[in-house]
Amino acid sequence: MDISKSIISMVQENLIKILSLRKDFEEKEDGSFVSKADYFLQDLLINKITSYFPNYSIISEELKSTNTNWNNKGSYIIIDPIDGTENFVSGLKEWGIGVSIFTKGAHDYSFIYLPELDEFIDSSLKINRFKSRISGISSSLKLKDLQKLKFDSYEYRITGCSMYNMFCAITGRFKNFENVKGVNSWDILPGINIAKNNNIPVTVNNINYTGELLFPDKKYKVRVG
């Protein structure tokens, strides 16, 4: 889709500026970090995407919203400007951008872009997958969370970035990925819809995912693969 090509070009043109802001960050109420790059990139993405979809509502991680009247048949753009901010501010390259577009409640298009790794996938691609025995698991897990995992492979990785984890599970670099603690809708919607379009098994809160909108009013446990 033209919009993803346009966004990739925009991010590449602004990457030096984005990376220059990675040391300028603060701690949010939930204990996670947000950087000035999150806000800068969010503004760029919203301006670009709304030029293609002017009448869509925006849901984004760093936008403060008091909306409780979510419409399952509404048209939304869901944005995670920097997923893996902890990685980003620590100088790691495993961070990513995720966007999902829903039109009248139905999934239209999603993409994941990993700028410093120069990797991209979207929901229009049919993926030629690797064959891996690695299971990806989410970060910030305590022992009780780890004990909930179904350890059905030999190798495990914690990368600290949902978009990267999803990318790896979709492309077969991971056999599967699981978050048993629960995450926000913007963390998973791009990945689970790309996975679904490639016939990769996806469960959300232990139920098979069928492409529905997920709103930021709850946390979601997810498994891909």
Protein backbone atom coordinates (compact mmCIF):
# COMPACT_ATOMS: atom_id res chain seq x y z
CA MET A 1 0.00 0.00 0.00
CA ASP A 2 1.23 3.49 -0.85
CA ILE A 3 0.76 4.72 2.70
CA SER A 4 3.35 2.32 4.12
CA LYS A 5 5.89 3.25 1.43
CA SER A 6 5.27 6.91 2.20
CA ILE A 7 5.69 6.35 5.96
CA ILE A 8 8.90 4.35 5.53
CA SER A 9 10.34 7.11 3.39
CA MET A 10 9.27 9.72 5.94
CA VAL A 11 10.83 7.80 8.85
CA GLN A 12 14.07 7.25 6.95
CA GLU A 13 14.26 10.97 6.16
CA ASN A 14 13.77 11.80 9.85
CA LEU A 15 15.73 8.92 11.37
CA ILE A 16 18.74 11.02 12.42
CA LYS A 17 16.39 13.39 14.24
CA ILE A 18 14.48 10.48 15.81
CA LEU A 19 17.67 8.83 17.07
CA SER A 20 18.97 12.14 18.42
CA LEU A 21 16.01 12.18 20.83
CA ARG A 22 16.54 8.73 22.31
CA LYS A 23 18.40 10.05 25.38
CA ASP A 24 15.64 12.55 26.18
CA PHE A 25 13.05 10.50 28.07
CA GLU A 26 11.04 10.30 31.28
CA GLU A 27 9.19 7.72 33.33
CA LYS A 28 5.41 7.44 32.98
CA GLU A 29 2.92 6.66 35.76
CA ASP A 30 3.04 2.94 34.93
CA GLY A 31 6.84 2.87 35.28
CA SER A 32 7.56 2.60 31.55
CA PHE A 33 9.59 5.16 29.64
CA VAL A 34 8.45 7.65 27.02
CA SER A 35 10.93 9.65 24.95
CA LYS A 36 10.62 12.84 22.96
CA ALA A 37 11.12 10.64 19.93
CA ASP A 38 7.82 8.87 20.75
CA TYR A 39 5.95 12.16 20.57
CA PHE A 40 7.87 13.43 17.54
CA LEU A 41 7.27 10.23 15.59
CA GLN A 42 3.65 10.04 16.70
CA ASP A 43 3.00 13.53 15.29
CA LEU A 44 4.69 12.60 12.01
CA LEU A 45 2.64 9.41 11.70
CA ILE A 46 -0.69 11.03 12.54
CA ASN A 47 -0.13 13.87 10.08
CA LYS A 48 0.85 11.45 7.31
CA ILE A 49 -1.86 8.86 7.92
CA THR A 50 -4.72 11.33 8.33
CA SER A 51 -3.82 12.80 4.94
CA TYR A 52 -4.83 9.39 3.50
CA PHE A 53 -7.68 8.68 5.96
CA PRO A 54 -9.04 12.08 7.07
CA ASN A 55 -12.26 10.87 8.71
CA TYR A 56 -10.83 8.09 10.86
CA SER A 57 -10.47 8.25 14.63
CA ILE A 58 -6.93 7.94 16.00
CA ILE A 59 -5.90 5.61 18.82
CA SER A 60 -2.24 5.97 19.76
CA GLU A 61 -0.17 5.02 22.78
CA GLU A 62 0.97 8.54 23.65
CA LEU A 63 -2.37 10.26 22.97
CA LYS A 64 -4.31 10.92 26.15
CA SER A 65 -7.85 9.66 25.68
CA THR A 66 -10.84 9.66 28.02
CA ASN A 67 -13.06 7.95 25.43
CA THR A 68 -15.13 5.11 26.84
CA ASN A 69 -17.65 4.95 24.01
CA TRP A 70 -15.79 2.74 21.57
CA ASN A 71 -17.65 1.75 18.40
CA ASN A 72 -17.11 -1.82 17.17
CA LYS A 73 -18.26 -0.70 13.72
CA GLY A 74 -16.18 2.47 13.68
CA SER A 75 -13.23 3.44 11.48
CA TYR A 76 -9.99 3.70 13.42
CA ILE A 77 -6.26 4.05 12.91
CA ILE A 78 -4.29 2.41 15.73
CA ILE A 79 -0.69 3.60 16.10
CA ASP A 80 2.25 2.57 18.23
CA PRO A 81 4.91 5.15 17.31
CA ILE A 82 7.76 3.44 19.17
CA ASP A 83 7.12 -0.01 20.53
CA GLY A 84 10.01 -1.07 22.73
CA THR A 85 10.84 2.37 24.11
CA GLU A 86 12.96 0.77 26.85
CA ASN A 87 15.10 -0.78 24.11
CA PHE A 88 15.11 2.46 22.12
CA VAL A 89 16.35 4.69 24.95
CA SER A 90 18.92 2.03 25.90
CA GLY A 91 20.47 2.21 22.44
CA LEU A 92 19.17 -1.15 21.23
CA LYS A 93 17.94 -1.48 17.65
CA GLU A 94 15.04 -3.83 18.44
CA TRP A 95 12.21 -1.30 18.42
CA GLY A 96 9.44 -0.81 15.94
CA ILE A 97 6.49 1.10 14.54
CA GLY A 98 3.09 -0.54 14.27
CA VAL A 99 -0.03 0.70 12.47
CA SER A 100 -3.43 -0.93 11.96
CA ILE A 101 -6.33 0.49 9.96
CA PHE A 102 -9.92 -0.63 10.52
CA THR A 103 -12.77 0.52 8.29
CA LYS A 104 -16.30 0.23 9.68
CA GLY A 105 -15.10 -2.32 12.19
CA ALA A 106 -13.28 -4.56 9.69
CA HIS A 107 -9.52 -4.87 9.41
CA ASP A 108 -8.24 -3.07 6.32
CA TYR A 109 -4.44 -2.95 6.55
CA SER A 110 -1.59 -3.35 9.05
CA PHE A 111 2.17 -3.01 8.94
CA ILE A 112 5.22 -3.33 11.16
CA TYR A 113 8.40 -1.40 10.44
CA LEU A 114 11.69 -1.85 12.31
CA PRO A 115 13.67 1.26 11.25
CA GLU A 116 17.15 0.50 12.60
CA LEU A 117 16.95 -3.12 11.42
CA ASP A 118 15.51 -2.04 8.05
CA GLU A 119 12.79 -4.70 8.17
CA PHE A 120 9.17 -4.37 7.08
CA ILE A 121 6.10 -6.62 6.82
CA ASP A 122 2.46 -5.85 6.12
CA SER A 123 -0.86 -7.63 5.87
CA SER A 124 -0.73 -7.82 2.07
CA LEU A 125 2.42 -9.99 2.05
CA LYS A 126 2.49 -13.77 1.95
CA ILE A 127 5.48 -14.68 4.11
CA ASN A 128 8.01 -17.36 3.19
CA ARG A 129 8.73 -18.41 6.75
CA PHE A 130 11.89 -19.71 8.39
CA LYS A 131 11.67 -22.86 10.50
CA SER A 132 12.72 -22.12 14.07
CA ARG A 133 12.62 -23.87 17.42
CA ILE A 134 12.81 -20.58 19.35
CA SER A 135 9.89 -19.36 21.46
CA GLY A 136 9.65 -15.63 22.09
CA ILE A 137 8.26 -14.50 25.43
CA SER A 138 7.35 -11.06 26.68
CA SER A 139 9.50 -8.93 28.95
CA SER A 140 8.75 -7.72 32.50
CA LEU A 141 7.63 -11.20 33.54
CA LYS A 142 7.81 -12.44 37.10
CA LEU A 143 8.27 -16.08 38.10
CA LYS A 144 4.52 -16.64 38.40
CA ASP A 145 4.07 -15.31 34.84
CA LEU A 146 6.80 -17.57 33.47
CA GLN A 147 5.14 -20.56 35.10
CA LYS A 148 2.03 -19.95 32.97
CA LEU A 149 3.96 -20.48 29.73
CA LYS A 150 3.65 -23.65 27.70
CA PHE A 151 7.28 -24.61 27.27
CA ASP A 152 7.04 -26.62 24.07
CA SER A 153 10.33 -25.77 22.37
CA TYR A 154 14.03 -25.83 23.23
CA GLU A 155 15.06 -22.19 23.03
CA TYR A 156 13.53 -19.01 24.47
CA ARG A 157 14.10 -15.31 23.86
CA ILE A 158 12.98 -12.11 25.57
CA THR A 159 13.56 -9.12 23.29
CA GLY A 160 11.63 -6.29 24.97
CA CYS A 161 9.65 -5.27 21.88
CA SER A 162 6.24 -6.62 20.90
CA MET A 163 6.59 -5.51 17.26
CA TYR A 164 9.91 -7.31 16.97
CA ASN A 165 8.49 -10.41 18.67
CA MET A 166 5.51 -10.40 16.31
CA PHE A 167 7.78 -9.86 13.32
CA CYS A 168 9.88 -12.86 14.34
CA ALA A 169 6.85 -15.09 14.96
CA ILE A 170 5.27 -14.13 11.62
CA THR A 171 8.46 -14.63 9.60
CA GLY A 172 9.27 -17.92 11.35
CA ARG A 173 12.37 -16.62 13.10
CA PHE A 174 10.46 -17.62 16.23
CA LYS A 175 8.39 -20.80 16.36
CA ASN A 176 5.88 -18.78 18.35
CA PHE A 177 5.49 -15.77 20.63
CA GLU A 178 3.42 -15.49 23.78
CA ASN A 179 2.53 -12.72 26.22
CA VAL A 180 0.83 -14.16 29.29
CA LYS A 181 0.81 -10.93 31.29
CA GLY A 182 -1.35 -8.79 29.00
CA VAL A 183 -0.61 -5.82 26.75
CA ASN A 184 -2.44 -2.93 25.09
CA SER A 185 -4.27 -3.18 21.79
CA TRP A 186 -1.72 -1.04 19.92
CA ASP A 187 1.04 -3.47 20.95
CA ILE A 188 -0.55 -6.41 19.14
CA LEU A 189 -3.11 -5.39 16.50
CA PRO A 190 -0.59 -4.98 13.64
CA GLY A 191 1.12 -8.30 14.33
CA ILE A 192 -1.92 -10.46 14.96
CA ASN A 193 -3.63 -9.25 11.79
CA ILE A 194 -0.55 -9.84 9.64
CA ALA A 195 -0.29 -13.29 11.24
CA LYS A 196 -3.97 -14.01 10.62
CA ASN A 197 -3.60 -13.08 6.94
CA ASN A 198 -0.80 -15.65 6.72
CA ASN A 199 -2.88 -18.39 8.37
CA ILE A 200 -0.68 -18.37 11.46
CA PRO A 201 -2.64 -19.37 14.59
CA VAL A 202 -3.47 -16.43 16.88
CA THR A 203 -5.25 -16.43 20.23
CA VAL A 204 -6.24 -13.37 22.25
CA ASN A 205 -7.19 -14.04 25.86
CA ASN A 206 -7.11 -17.75 24.98
CA ILE A 207 -9.74 -17.38 22.22
CA ASN A 208 -9.02 -17.72 18.49
CA TYR A 209 -8.65 -14.24 17.01
CA THR A 210 -10.91 -13.55 14.01
CA GLY A 211 -9.89 -10.00 13.06
CA GLU A 212 -12.05 -7.92 15.38
CA LEU A 213 -11.20 -4.49 16.70
CA LEU A 214 -9.51 -4.40 20.10
CA PHE A 215 -9.82 -1.23 22.12
CA PRO A 216 -7.50 0.25 24.81
CA ASP A 217 -9.92 -0.38 27.65
CA LYS A 218 -8.29 -3.63 28.78
CA LYS A 219 -5.13 -5.71 28.54
CA TYR A 220 -4.83 -8.66 26.15
CA LYS A 221 -2.93 -11.92 26.53
CA VAL A 222 -1.75 -13.08 23.13
CA ARG A 223 -0.12 -16.05 21.44
CA VAL A 224 1.07 -16.15 17.83
CA GLY A 225 2.08 -19.46 16.30
